[in-house]
Amino acid sequence: MSDIPGSLLPWQAEQWQAFVDRFDQGRLAHAWLLRGAAGVGKLHFAKAFAALALCESDASEISGQPREACGYCQGCRLMQAGSHPDYMLLSPEQAGKAIKIDQIRQLTGFTEKTALRQGRRVIIISPAEQMNHNAANALLKCLEEPAGDTIFLLVSSQLSLLLPTIRSRCQQLVFPVPPHDTAKDWLEKQDTVVSSAAESLLEMAGGRPLLAREYASKDIQQQQQILIDGLQDVSSGRRTPVEVAADWLDVPQDRLTGWMQQWLYQMVRFAAGSNTGLENQVGGKMLVYIAGKSGSKNLVQLYDWLLQQNNIMNRGMNLNRQLFCEQLLIRWLHLTVR
């Protein structure tokens, strides 16, 4: 599978130009932390830069367009085939699991070998916050004493979960949520998205366009509906938390916690008097009702609990999914009976 994105994302042009200018001038630090919310294109940016850094063409910027990998040289063809010998993308071996120390040891061995083509290596670690404690400590030595011309790009959506010693050894590049109109225009042009649905998808994704594109999948929309239906059933007393929790087991953990965190965040803002468009979302009437009934303080407590559970899972600790869902739904039920 190709590791080269089709094109740069339109809201990253200024960041890209500044980053590439540093690279061309030989002023690019060896370790970078690309941070920002999930779904804004951090990994896309990292892969595009890796392709450019390993491109073997001398082609310069053309007609004012951003300089990118040529796509035709031997280096680019190796990247497209997913077999470039001087490139490594390190991610959890299973979705939602931790990056383990054995993977970092493999990375260390990779950096100790001589670069095979242009003398440069690029290593992407994503999501970096999913390194377990031992893996993160093992990475420190690589960051302190990089071998040869090696560029590390650590991609993170939850900066607080990274060791302070990791953060201190990296330059940081921040990726904000893009302007609404730019994100919507890009989303409407995606083959998998019906243009009339772009606005609602962006709302569902909290303005994050790549996440919104993912949400365009019918399967994902069905999973979200399962969660909303479950919350409504528990709130109304039609079903118990134990019954609903069994239905939620097929929804991937990252989506479950991500949607719940997003809804709770918007509910907190709504309860505080902000216009968040909450009522226009799937299940919006129910979410608005619960937000008004429970109040900001209780919503924040549930949000904090959910964040704690998510942090535990991101550190590689196993939670009983059925029990987690039951506890979440019981806490949700308490919001409705206050």
C-alpha atoms as a PDB file:
ATOM      1  CA  MET A   1       0.000   0.000   0.000  1.00  0.00           C
ATOM      2  CA  SER A   2       1.260   3.495  -0.844  1.00  0.00           C
ATOM      3  CA  ASP A   3       2.440   5.712   1.993  1.00  0.00           C
ATOM      4  CA  ILE A   4       2.352   8.857  -0.158  1.00  0.00           C
ATOM      5  CA  PRO A   5      -0.815  10.969   0.196  1.00  0.00           C
ATOM      6  CA  GLY A   6      -2.431  12.055  -3.057  1.00  0.00           C
ATOM      7  CA  SER A   7      -1.944  15.757  -2.344  1.00  0.00           C
ATOM      8  CA  LEU A   8      -1.383  18.228   0.447  1.00  0.00           C
ATOM      9  CA  LEU A   9      -4.373  19.282   2.502  1.00  0.00           C
ATOM     10  CA  PRO A  10      -5.388  22.870   1.655  1.00  0.00           C
ATOM     11  CA  TRP A  11      -5.400  24.128   5.256  1.00  0.00           C
ATOM     12  CA  GLN A  12      -1.779  23.047   5.817  1.00  0.00           C
ATOM     13  CA  ALA A  13      -0.099  25.186   3.155  1.00  0.00           C
ATOM     14  CA  GLU A  14       1.583  27.667   5.517  1.00  0.00           C
ATOM     15  CA  GLN A  15       2.823  24.972   7.899  1.00  0.00           C
ATOM     16  CA  TRP A  16       4.117  22.956   4.966  1.00  0.00           C
ATOM     17  CA  GLN A  17       6.001  25.863   3.419  1.00  0.00           C
ATOM     18  CA  ALA A  18       7.659  26.798   6.711  1.00  0.00           C
ATOM     19  CA  PHE A  19       8.595  23.174   7.399  1.00  0.00           C
ATOM     20  CA  VAL A  20      10.006  22.582   3.912  1.00  0.00           C
ATOM     21  CA  ASP A  21      11.956  25.868   4.022  1.00  0.00           C
ATOM     22  CA  ARG A  22      13.671  24.718   7.221  1.00  0.00           C
ATOM     23  CA  PHE A  23      14.413  21.376   5.601  1.00  0.00           C
ATOM     24  CA  ASP A  24      15.881  22.966   2.465  1.00  0.00           C
ATOM     25  CA  GLN A  25      18.039  25.286   4.572  1.00  0.00           C
ATOM     26  CA  GLY A  26      19.359  22.459   6.736  1.00  0.00           C
ATOM     27  CA  ARG A  27      17.710  23.926   9.850  1.00  0.00           C
ATOM     28  CA  LEU A  28      15.169  21.176  10.516  1.00  0.00           C
ATOM     29  CA  ALA A  29      15.478  19.613  13.984  1.00  0.00           C
ATOM     30  CA  HIS A  30      15.917  15.847  14.041  1.00  0.00           C
ATOM     31  CA  ALA A  31      12.792  15.217  16.165  1.00  0.00           C
ATOM     32  CA  TRP A  32       9.366  16.789  15.725  1.00  0.00           C
ATOM     33  CA  LEU A  33       6.110  16.387  17.580  1.00  0.00           C
ATOM     34  CA  LEU A  34       3.104  16.978  15.308  1.00  0.00           C
ATOM     35  CA  ARG A  35       0.238  17.646  17.683  1.00  0.00           C
ATOM     36  CA  GLY A  36      -3.417  18.545  17.411  1.00  0.00           C
ATOM     37  CA  ALA A  37      -6.889  17.034  17.460  1.00  0.00           C
ATOM     38  CA  ALA A  38      -7.492  13.692  15.759  1.00  0.00           C
ATOM     39  CA  GLY A  39      -8.785  14.005  12.206  1.00  0.00           C
ATOM     40  CA  VAL A  40      -7.071  17.245  11.122  1.00  0.00           C
ATOM     41  CA  GLY A  41      -4.392  15.607   8.942  1.00  0.00           C
ATOM     42  CA  LYS A  42      -1.245  15.303  11.079  1.00  0.00           C
ATOM     43  CA  LEU A  43      -0.335  11.841   9.807  1.00  0.00           C
ATOM     44  CA  HIS A  44      -1.156  12.932   6.240  1.00  0.00           C
ATOM     45  CA  PHE A  45       1.329  15.803   6.655  1.00  0.00           C
ATOM     46  CA  ALA A  46       3.987  13.502   8.136  1.00  0.00           C
ATOM     47  CA  LYS A  47       3.720  10.996   5.288  1.00  0.00           C
ATOM     48  CA  ALA A  48       3.819  13.733   2.646  1.00  0.00           C
ATOM     49  CA  PHE A  49       6.968  15.175   4.209  1.00  0.00           C
ATOM     50  CA  ALA A  50       8.588  11.732   4.481  1.00  0.00           C
ATOM     51  CA  ALA A  51       7.965  11.251   0.762  1.00  0.00           C
ATOM     52  CA  LEU A  52       9.548  14.626  -0.036  1.00  0.00           C
ATOM     53  CA  ALA A  53      12.547  14.028   2.238  1.00  0.00           C
ATOM     54  CA  LEU A  54      13.243  10.692   0.518  1.00  0.00           C
ATOM     55  CA  CYS A  55      12.461  11.902  -3.014  1.00  0.00           C
ATOM     56  CA  GLU A  56      15.513  11.625  -5.291  1.00  0.00           C
ATOM     57  CA  SER A  57      14.429  14.244  -7.813  1.00  0.00           C
ATOM     58  CA  ASP A  58      15.971  17.726  -7.904  1.00  0.00           C
ATOM     59  CA  ALA A  59      12.711  19.267  -9.096  1.00  0.00           C
ATOM     60  CA  SER A  60      11.978  22.584  -7.421  1.00  0.00           C
ATOM     61  CA  GLU A  61       8.736  24.385  -6.735  1.00  0.00           C
ATOM     62  CA  ILE A  62       6.688  24.811  -9.910  1.00  0.00           C
ATOM     63  CA  SER A  63       4.413  27.781 -10.682  1.00  0.00           C
ATOM     64  CA  GLY A  64       4.064  28.788  -7.060  1.00  0.00           C
ATOM     65  CA  GLN A  65       2.739  25.389  -6.002  1.00  0.00           C
ATOM     66  CA  PRO A  66       4.087  23.806  -2.805  1.00  0.00           C
ATOM     67  CA  ARG A  67       7.121  21.622  -3.376  1.00  0.00           C
ATOM     68  CA  GLU A  68       6.188  17.966  -2.963  1.00  0.00           C
ATOM     69  CA  ALA A  69       7.656  14.566  -3.776  1.00  0.00           C
ATOM     70  CA  CYS A  70       7.869  14.094  -7.546  1.00  0.00           C
ATOM     71  CA  GLY A  71       6.090  10.733  -7.520  1.00  0.00           C
ATOM     72  CA  TYR A  72       8.253   9.319 -10.339  1.00  0.00           C
ATOM     73  CA  CYS A  73      11.814   8.768  -9.096  1.00  0.00           C
ATOM     74  CA  GLN A  74      13.016   5.482  -7.655  1.00  0.00           C
ATOM     75  CA  GLY A  75      12.622   6.767  -4.095  1.00  0.00           C
ATOM     76  CA  CYS A  76       9.011   7.762  -4.740  1.00  0.00           C
ATOM     77  CA  ARG A  77       8.244   4.457  -6.403  1.00  0.00           C
ATOM     78  CA  LEU A  78       9.611   2.616  -3.361  1.00  0.00           C
ATOM     79  CA  MET A  79       7.438   4.764  -1.099  1.00  0.00           C
ATOM     80  CA  GLN A  80       4.398   4.054  -3.248  1.00  0.00           C
ATOM     81  CA  ALA A  81       5.114   0.339  -2.973  1.00  0.00           C
ATOM     82  CA  GLY A  82       5.527   0.629   0.803  1.00  0.00           C
ATOM     83  CA  SER A  83       9.065  -0.770   0.609  1.00  0.00           C
ATOM     84  CA  HIS A  84      11.460   2.168   0.948  1.00  0.00           C
ATOM     85  CA  PRO A  85      14.437   0.861   2.971  1.00  0.00           C
ATOM     86  CA  ASP A  86      15.035   4.197   4.732  1.00  0.00           C
ATOM     87  CA  TYR A  87      11.466   4.807   5.883  1.00  0.00           C
ATOM     88  CA  MET A  88       9.609   3.398   8.885  1.00  0.00           C
ATOM     89  CA  LEU A  89       6.049   3.964  10.063  1.00  0.00           C
ATOM     90  CA  LEU A  90       5.624   2.679  13.608  1.00  0.00           C
ATOM     91  CA  SER A  91       2.064   2.137  14.864  1.00  0.00           C
ATOM     92  CA  PRO A  92       0.343  -0.272  17.268  1.00  0.00           C
ATOM     93  CA  GLU A  93       0.331  -3.813  15.958  1.00  0.00           C
ATOM     94  CA  GLN A  94      -3.412  -3.908  16.673  1.00  0.00           C
ATOM     95  CA  ALA A  95      -5.794  -0.956  16.578  1.00  0.00           C
ATOM     96  CA  GLY A  96      -6.323   0.495  20.027  1.00  0.00           C
ATOM     97  CA  LYS A  97      -3.365  -1.375  21.525  1.00  0.00           C
ATOM     98  CA  ALA A  98      -0.048  -0.017  22.773  1.00  0.00           C
ATOM     99  CA  ILE A  99       3.199   0.451  20.865  1.00  0.00           C
ATOM    100  CA  LYS A 100       5.511  -2.006  22.629  1.00  0.00           C
ATOM    101  CA  ILE A 101       9.183  -1.964  23.563  1.00  0.00           C
ATOM    102  CA  ASP A 102       9.979  -4.683  21.007  1.00  0.00           C
ATOM    103  CA  GLN A 103       8.825  -2.318  18.272  1.00  0.00           C
ATOM    104  CA  ILE A 104      11.132   0.421  19.585  1.00  0.00           C
ATOM    105  CA  ARG A 105      13.999  -2.065  19.664  1.00  0.00           C
ATOM    106  CA  GLN A 106      13.268  -2.803  16.009  1.00  0.00           C
ATOM    107  CA  LEU A 107      13.368   0.946  15.361  1.00  0.00           C
ATOM    108  CA  THR A 108      16.720   1.205  17.164  1.00  0.00           C
ATOM    109  CA  GLY A 109      18.153  -1.514  14.949  1.00  0.00           C
ATOM    110  CA  PHE A 110      16.811   0.307  11.914  1.00  0.00           C
ATOM    111  CA  THR A 111      18.587   3.556  12.878  1.00  0.00           C
ATOM    112  CA  GLU A 112      21.902   1.808  13.535  1.00  0.00           C
ATOM    113  CA  LYS A 113      22.116   0.518   9.965  1.00  0.00           C
ATOM    114  CA  THR A 114      23.538   2.613   7.153  1.00  0.00           C
ATOM    115  CA  ALA A 115      20.884   4.405   5.124  1.00  0.00           C
ATOM    116  CA  LEU A 116      20.744   2.632   1.780  1.00  0.00           C
ATOM    117  CA  ARG A 117      19.855   5.375  -0.678  1.00  0.00           C
ATOM    118  CA  GLN A 118      20.524   9.048   0.045  1.00  0.00           C
ATOM    119  CA  GLY A 119      21.933   8.769   3.541  1.00  0.00           C
ATOM    120  CA  ARG A 120      18.713   9.984   5.183  1.00  0.00           C
ATOM    121  CA  ARG A 121      16.046   8.134   7.167  1.00  0.00           C
ATOM    122  CA  VAL A 122      12.548   9.203   8.162  1.00  0.00           C
ATOM    123  CA  ILE A 123      10.682   7.574  11.041  1.00  0.00           C
ATOM    124  CA  ILE A 124       7.017   8.281  11.842  1.00  0.00           C
ATOM    125  CA  ILE A 125       5.517   7.150  15.145  1.00  0.00           C
ATOM    126  CA  SER A 126       1.722   7.418  15.224  1.00  0.00           C
ATOM    127  CA  PRO A 127      -0.080   7.740  17.530  1.00  0.00           C
ATOM    128  CA  ALA A 128       2.943   8.461  19.715  1.00  0.00           C
ATOM    129  CA  GLU A 129       0.903   8.616  22.928  1.00  0.00           C
ATOM    130  CA  GLN A 130       0.163   4.913  22.592  1.00  0.00           C
ATOM    131  CA  MET A 131       3.730   3.925  23.401  1.00  0.00           C
ATOM    132  CA  ASN A 132       3.692   2.080  26.699  1.00  0.00           C
ATOM    133  CA  HIS A 133       6.027   3.291  29.453  1.00  0.00           C
ATOM    134  CA  ASN A 134       8.875   0.928  28.571  1.00  0.00           C
ATOM    135  CA  ALA A 135       8.637   1.761  24.874  1.00  0.00           C
ATOM    136  CA  ALA A 136       8.682   5.506  25.556  1.00  0.00           C
ATOM    137  CA  ASN A 137      11.757   5.177  27.774  1.00  0.00           C
ATOM    138  CA  ALA A 138      13.511   3.098  25.127  1.00  0.00           C
ATOM    139  CA  LEU A 139      12.798   5.774  22.508  1.00  0.00           C
ATOM    140  CA  LEU A 140      14.510   8.457  24.608  1.00  0.00           C
ATOM    141  CA  LYS A 141      18.004   7.202  23.768  1.00  0.00           C
ATOM    142  CA  CYS A 142      17.251   7.345  20.039  1.00  0.00           C
ATOM    143  CA  LEU A 143      16.026  10.913  20.392  1.00  0.00           C
ATOM    144  CA  GLU A 144      19.038  11.925  22.492  1.00  0.00           C
ATOM    145  CA  GLU A 145      21.615  10.333  20.212  1.00  0.00           C
ATOM    146  CA  PRO A 146      20.145  10.106  16.693  1.00  0.00           C
ATOM    147  CA  ALA A 147      22.203   7.983  14.340  1.00  0.00           C
ATOM    148  CA  GLY A 148      23.167   9.691  11.090  1.00  0.00           C
ATOM    149  CA  ASP A 149      20.709  11.908   9.222  1.00  0.00           C
ATOM    150  CA  THR A 150      17.505  10.667  10.849  1.00  0.00           C
ATOM    151  CA  ILE A 151      14.268  12.631  11.138  1.00  0.00           C
ATOM    152  CA  PHE A 152      11.692  11.548  13.728  1.00  0.00           C
ATOM    153  CA  LEU A 153       8.067  12.654  13.294  1.00  0.00           C
ATOM    154  CA  LEU A 154       5.934  11.830  16.336  1.00  0.00           C
ATOM    155  CA  VAL A 155       2.208  12.263  15.705  1.00  0.00           C
ATOM    156  CA  SER A 156       0.000  12.852  18.739  1.00  0.00           C
ATOM    157  CA  SER A 157      -3.610  13.753  19.477  1.00  0.00           C
ATOM    158  CA  GLN A 158      -3.207  13.516  23.270  1.00  0.00           C
ATOM    159  CA  LEU A 159      -0.078  15.383  24.258  1.00  0.00           C
ATOM    160  CA  SER A 160      -0.638  14.894  28.003  1.00  0.00           C
ATOM    161  CA  LEU A 161      -0.097  11.142  27.638  1.00  0.00           C
ATOM    162  CA  LEU A 162       3.454  11.569  26.320  1.00  0.00           C
ATOM    163  CA  LEU A 163       6.349  11.534  28.762  1.00  0.00           C
ATOM    164  CA  PRO A 164       7.592  15.067  29.491  1.00  0.00           C
ATOM    165  CA  THR A 165      11.083  13.857  28.576  1.00  0.00           C
ATOM    166  CA  ILE A 166       9.813  12.855  25.116  1.00  0.00           C
ATOM    167  CA  ARG A 167       8.093  16.210  24.632  1.00  0.00           C
ATOM    168  CA  SER A 168      11.184  18.151  25.721  1.00  0.00           C
ATOM    169  CA  ARG A 169      13.362  16.475  23.083  1.00  0.00           C
ATOM    170  CA  CYS A 170      11.090  17.414  20.181  1.00  0.00           C
ATOM    171  CA  GLN A 171      10.293  20.619  18.369  1.00  0.00           C
ATOM    172  CA  GLN A 172       6.529  21.020  18.187  1.00  0.00           C
ATOM    173  CA  LEU A 173       4.295  21.779  15.222  1.00  0.00           C
ATOM    174  CA  VAL A 174       0.680  22.512  16.135  1.00  0.00           C
ATOM    175  CA  PHE A 175      -2.218  21.529  13.849  1.00  0.00           C
ATOM    176  CA  PRO A 176      -5.415  23.443  14.698  1.00  0.00           C
ATOM    177  CA  VAL A 177      -8.883  22.524  13.486  1.00  0.00           C
ATOM    178  CA  PRO A 178      -9.110  24.157  10.017  1.00  0.00           C
ATOM    179  CA  PRO A 179     -11.503  26.999   9.160  1.00  0.00           C
ATOM    180  CA  HIS A 180     -15.031  25.697   8.684  1.00  0.00           C
ATOM    181  CA  ASP A 181     -15.466  26.844   5.070  1.00  0.00           C
ATOM    182  CA  THR A 182     -12.103  25.378   4.004  1.00  0.00           C
ATOM    183  CA  ALA A 183     -12.891  22.060   5.651  1.00  0.00           C
ATOM    184  CA  LYS A 184     -16.390  21.929   4.175  1.00  0.00           C
ATOM    185  CA  ASP A 185     -15.173  22.753   0.664  1.00  0.00           C
ATOM    186  CA  TRP A 186     -12.576  19.968   0.854  1.00  0.00           C
ATOM    187  CA  LEU A 187     -15.069  17.485   2.290  1.00  0.00           C
ATOM    188  CA  GLU A 188     -17.631  18.153  -0.448  1.00  0.00           C
ATOM    189  CA  LYS A 189     -15.030  17.166  -3.052  1.00  0.00           C
ATOM    190  CA  GLN A 190     -14.333  13.749  -1.546  1.00  0.00           C
ATOM    191  CA  ASP A 191     -15.618  10.804  -3.573  1.00  0.00           C
ATOM    192  CA  THR A 192     -17.028   9.045  -0.508  1.00  0.00           C
ATOM    193  CA  VAL A 193     -19.051  12.053   0.685  1.00  0.00           C
ATOM    194  CA  VAL A 194     -22.431  13.276  -0.536  1.00  0.00           C
ATOM    195  CA  SER A 195     -21.927  17.037  -0.706  1.00  0.00           C
ATOM    196  CA  SER A 196     -25.279  17.789   0.932  1.00  0.00           C
ATOM    197  CA  ALA A 197     -24.152  15.812   3.990  1.00  0.00           C
ATOM    198  CA  ALA A 198     -20.853  17.668   4.458  1.00  0.00           C
ATOM    199  CA  GLU A 199     -22.219  20.180   6.982  1.00  0.00           C
ATOM    200  CA  SER A 200     -23.731  17.556   9.269  1.00  0.00           C
ATOM    201  CA  LEU A 201     -20.659  15.326   9.007  1.00  0.00           C
ATOM    202  CA  LEU A 202     -18.411  18.214  10.040  1.00  0.00           C
ATOM    203  CA  GLU A 203     -20.658  18.927  13.023  1.00  0.00           C
ATOM    204  CA  MET A 204     -20.540  15.264  13.964  1.00  0.00           C
ATOM    205  CA  ALA A 205     -16.732  15.324  13.761  1.00  0.00           C
ATOM    206  CA  GLY A 206     -16.261  18.573  15.653  1.00  0.00           C
ATOM    207  CA  GLY A 207     -14.975  20.387  12.560  1.00  0.00           C
ATOM    208  CA  ARG A 208     -12.241  17.825  11.832  1.00  0.00           C
ATOM    209  CA  PRO A 209     -12.439  17.072   8.092  1.00  0.00           C
ATOM    210  CA  LEU A 210     -10.602  13.737   7.892  1.00  0.00           C
ATOM    211  CA  LEU A 211     -12.694  12.399  10.739  1.00  0.00           C
ATOM    212  CA  ALA A 212     -15.800  13.720   8.995  1.00  0.00           C
ATOM    213  CA  ARG A 213     -14.824  11.827   5.839  1.00  0.00           C
ATOM    214  CA  GLU A 214     -14.494   8.672   7.911  1.00  0.00           C
ATOM    215  CA  TYR A 215     -17.941   9.277   9.376  1.00  0.00           C
ATOM    216  CA  ALA A 216     -19.442   9.276   5.869  1.00  0.00           C
ATOM    217  CA  SER A 217     -19.293   5.486   5.953  1.00  0.00           C
ATOM    218  CA  LYS A 218     -22.763   3.967   6.433  1.00  0.00           C
ATOM    219  CA  ASP A 219     -21.336   1.438   8.882  1.00  0.00           C
ATOM    220  CA  ILE A 220     -19.961   4.227  11.056  1.00  0.00           C
ATOM    221  CA  GLN A 221     -23.251   6.126  10.964  1.00  0.00           C
ATOM    222  CA  GLN A 222     -25.019   2.942  12.037  1.00  0.00           C
ATOM    223  CA  GLN A 223     -22.580   2.550  14.927  1.00  0.00           C
ATOM    224  CA  GLN A 224     -23.271   6.092  16.060  1.00  0.00           C
ATOM    225  CA  GLN A 225     -26.995   5.435  15.891  1.00  0.00           C
ATOM    226  CA  ILE A 226     -26.526   2.357  18.095  1.00  0.00           C
ATOM    227  CA  LEU A 227     -24.908   4.557  20.751  1.00  0.00           C
ATOM    228  CA  ILE A 228     -27.603   7.245  20.535  1.00  0.00           C
ATOM    229  CA  ASP A 229     -30.387   4.657  20.680  1.00  0.00           C
ATOM    230  CA  GLY A 230     -28.760   3.076  23.713  1.00  0.00           C
ATOM    231  CA  LEU A 231     -28.490   6.396  25.543  1.00  0.00           C
ATOM    232  CA  GLN A 232     -32.134   7.149  24.785  1.00  0.00           C
ATOM    233  CA  ASP A 233     -33.269   3.712  25.944  1.00  0.00           C
ATOM    234  CA  VAL A 234     -31.382   3.988  29.230  1.00  0.00           C
ATOM    235  CA  SER A 235     -32.595   7.553  29.826  1.00  0.00           C
ATOM    236  CA  SER A 236     -36.228   6.557  29.245  1.00  0.00           C
ATOM    237  CA  GLY A 237     -36.027   3.305  31.220  1.00  0.00           C
ATOM    238  CA  ARG A 238     -36.856   1.135  28.221  1.00  0.00           C
ATOM    239  CA  ARG A 239     -33.725  -0.951  28.735  1.00  0.00           C
ATOM    240  CA  THR A 240     -31.163  -1.419  31.472  1.00  0.00           C
ATOM    241  CA  PRO A 241     -27.486  -0.411  31.235  1.00  0.00           C
ATOM    242  CA  VAL A 242     -26.540  -4.101  31.179  1.00  0.00           C
ATOM    243  CA  GLU A 243     -28.756  -4.759  28.147  1.00  0.00           C
ATOM    244  CA  VAL A 244     -27.535  -1.720  26.232  1.00  0.00           C
ATOM    245  CA  ALA A 245     -23.877  -2.408  27.064  1.00  0.00           C
ATOM    246  CA  ALA A 246     -24.132  -5.746  25.250  1.00  0.00           C
ATOM    247  CA  ASP A 247     -25.203  -3.906  22.072  1.00  0.00           C
ATOM    248  CA  TRP A 248     -22.265  -1.503  22.336  1.00  0.00           C
ATOM    249  CA  LEU A 249     -19.559  -4.171  22.297  1.00  0.00           C
ATOM    250  CA  ASP A 250     -19.392  -4.181  18.494  1.00  0.00           C
ATOM    251  CA  VAL A 251     -18.648  -0.440  18.328  1.00  0.00           C
ATOM    252  CA  PRO A 252     -14.847   0.124  18.259  1.00  0.00           C
ATOM    253  CA  GLN A 253     -13.592   1.525  21.543  1.00  0.00           C
ATOM    254  CA  ASP A 254     -11.952   4.613  20.029  1.00  0.00           C
ATOM    255  CA  ARG A 255     -15.192   5.623  18.301  1.00  0.00           C
ATOM    256  CA  LEU A 256     -17.298   4.957  21.377  1.00  0.00           C
ATOM    257  CA  THR A 257     -15.144   7.079  23.667  1.00  0.00           C
ATOM    258  CA  GLY A 258     -14.541   9.706  20.967  1.00  0.00           C
ATOM    259  CA  TRP A 259     -18.254  10.261  20.316  1.00  0.00           C
ATOM    260  CA  MET A 260     -19.133  10.270  24.004  1.00  0.00           C
ATOM    261  CA  GLN A 261     -16.396  12.816  24.758  1.00  0.00           C
ATOM    262  CA  GLN A 262     -17.555  15.003  21.884  1.00  0.00           C
ATOM    263  CA  TRP A 263     -21.211  14.893  22.935  1.00  0.00           C
ATOM    264  CA  LEU A 264     -20.371  15.601  26.571  1.00  0.00           C
ATOM    265  CA  TYR A 265     -18.131  18.517  25.608  1.00  0.00           C
ATOM    266  CA  GLN A 266     -20.897  20.054  23.494  1.00  0.00           C
ATOM    267  CA  MET A 267     -23.439  19.392  26.248  1.00  0.00           C
ATOM    268  CA  VAL A 268     -21.239  21.200  28.762  1.00  0.00           C
ATOM    269  CA  ARG A 269     -21.014  24.213  26.475  1.00  0.00           C
ATOM    270  CA  PHE A 270     -24.762  24.113  25.822  1.00  0.00           C
ATOM    271  CA  ALA A 271     -25.502  23.966  29.561  1.00  0.00           C
ATOM    272  CA  ALA A 272     -23.232  26.984  29.992  1.00  0.00           C
ATOM    273  CA  GLY A 273     -25.237  28.961  27.434  1.00  0.00           C
ATOM    274  CA  SER A 274     -23.158  28.498  24.263  1.00  0.00           C
ATOM    275  CA  ASN A 275     -24.755  27.821  20.885  1.00  0.00           C
ATOM    276  CA  THR A 276     -23.048  24.601  19.766  1.00  0.00           C
ATOM    277  CA  GLY A 277     -25.514  23.276  17.190  1.00  0.00           C
ATOM    278  CA  LEU A 278     -26.080  20.326  19.522  1.00  0.00           C
ATOM    279  CA  GLU A 279     -29.797  20.163  18.760  1.00  0.00           C
ATOM    280  CA  ASN A 280     -29.071  19.604  15.037  1.00  0.00           C
ATOM    281  CA  GLN A 281     -27.086  16.406  15.567  1.00  0.00           C
ATOM    282  CA  VAL A 282     -28.350  12.835  15.600  1.00  0.00           C
ATOM    283  CA  GLY A 283     -30.147  12.447  18.914  1.00  0.00           C
ATOM    284  CA  GLY A 284     -29.829  16.196  19.460  1.00  0.00           C
ATOM    285  CA  LYS A 285     -33.162  16.658  21.248  1.00  0.00           C
ATOM    286  CA  MET A 286     -32.256  14.040  23.813  1.00  0.00           C
ATOM    287  CA  LEU A 287     -28.758  15.464  24.327  1.00  0.00           C
ATOM    288  CA  VAL A 288     -30.165  18.978  24.785  1.00  0.00           C
ATOM    289  CA  TYR A 289     -32.709  17.707  27.325  1.00  0.00           C
ATOM    290  CA  ILE A 290     -30.071  15.855  29.377  1.00  0.00           C
ATOM    291  CA  ALA A 291     -27.717  18.835  29.237  1.00  0.00           C
ATOM    292  CA  GLY A 292     -30.414  21.135  30.603  1.00  0.00           C
ATOM    293  CA  LYS A 293     -31.480  18.673  33.285  1.00  0.00           C
ATOM    294  CA  SER A 294     -28.056  17.675  34.634  1.00  0.00           C
ATOM    295  CA  GLY A 295     -26.078  20.927  34.516  1.00  0.00           C
ATOM    296  CA  SER A 296     -22.440  21.636  33.635  1.00  0.00           C
ATOM    297  CA  LYS A 297     -20.849  20.327  36.840  1.00  0.00           C
ATOM    298  CA  ASN A 298     -22.247  16.797  36.526  1.00  0.00           C
ATOM    299  CA  LEU A 299     -21.485  16.646  32.810  1.00  0.00           C
ATOM    300  CA  VAL A 300     -17.878  17.679  33.468  1.00  0.00           C
ATOM    301  CA  GLN A 301     -17.550  14.938  36.100  1.00  0.00           C
ATOM    302  CA  LEU A 302     -18.669  12.311  33.590  1.00  0.00           C
ATOM    303  CA  TYR A 303     -16.391  13.788  30.924  1.00  0.00           C
ATOM    304  CA  ASP A 304     -13.415  13.628  33.315  1.00  0.00           C
ATOM    305  CA  TRP A 305     -14.209  10.017  34.250  1.00  0.00           C
ATOM    306  CA  LEU A 306     -14.402   9.047  30.580  1.00  0.00           C
ATOM    307  CA  LEU A 307     -11.102  10.803  29.881  1.00  0.00           C
ATOM    308  CA  GLN A 308      -9.443   8.879  32.734  1.00  0.00           C
ATOM    309  CA  GLN A 309     -10.700   5.559  31.352  1.00  0.00           C
ATOM    310  CA  ASN A 310      -9.506   6.482  27.879  1.00  0.00           C
ATOM    311  CA  ASN A 311      -6.055   7.369  29.216  1.00  0.00           C
ATOM    312  CA  ILE A 312      -5.831   3.977  30.926  1.00  0.00           C
ATOM    313  CA  MET A 313      -6.642   2.198  27.662  1.00  0.00           C
ATOM    314  CA  ASN A 314      -4.162   4.323  25.693  1.00  0.00           C
ATOM    315  CA  ARG A 315      -1.421   3.192  28.043  1.00  0.00           C
ATOM    316  CA  GLY A 316      -2.062  -0.392  26.950  1.00  0.00           C
ATOM    317  CA  MET A 317      -3.999  -1.579  30.003  1.00  0.00           C
ATOM    318  CA  ASN A 318      -6.893  -3.895  29.253  1.00  0.00           C
ATOM    319  CA  LEU A 319     -10.370  -2.965  30.466  1.00  0.00           C
ATOM    320  CA  ASN A 320     -13.377  -5.247  30.555  1.00  0.00           C
ATOM    321  CA  ARG A 321     -15.441  -3.779  27.705  1.00  0.00           C
ATOM    322  CA  GLN A 322     -18.797  -4.980  29.029  1.00  0.00           C
ATOM    323  CA  LEU A 323     -18.063  -3.590  32.488  1.00  0.00           C
ATOM    324  CA  PHE A 324     -16.773  -0.299  31.055  1.00  0.00           C
ATOM    325  CA  CYS A 325     -19.946   0.188  28.995  1.00  0.00           C
ATOM    326  CA  GLU A 326     -22.157  -0.691  31.957  1.00  0.00           C
ATOM    327  CA  GLN A 327     -20.378   1.826  34.195  1.00  0.00           C
ATOM    328  CA  LEU A 328     -20.616   4.518  31.536  1.00  0.00           C
ATOM    329  CA  LEU A 329     -24.329   3.932  31.054  1.00  0.00           C
ATOM    330  CA  ILE A 330     -25.015   3.880  34.804  1.00  0.00           C
ATOM    331  CA  ARG A 331     -23.251   7.219  35.129  1.00  0.00           C
ATOM    332  CA  TRP A 332     -25.266   8.502  32.180  1.00  0.00           C
ATOM    333  CA  LEU A 333     -28.470   7.333  33.860  1.00  0.00           C
ATOM    334  CA  HIS A 334     -27.521   9.278  36.994  1.00  0.00           C
ATOM    335  CA  LEU A 335     -27.501  12.446  34.878  1.00  0.00           C
ATOM    336  CA  THR A 336     -31.170  11.962  34.063  1.00  0.00           C
ATOM    337  CA  VAL A 337     -32.452  11.319  37.601  1.00  0.00           C
ATOM    338  CA  ARG A 338     -30.813  14.251  39.417  1.00  0.00           C
END
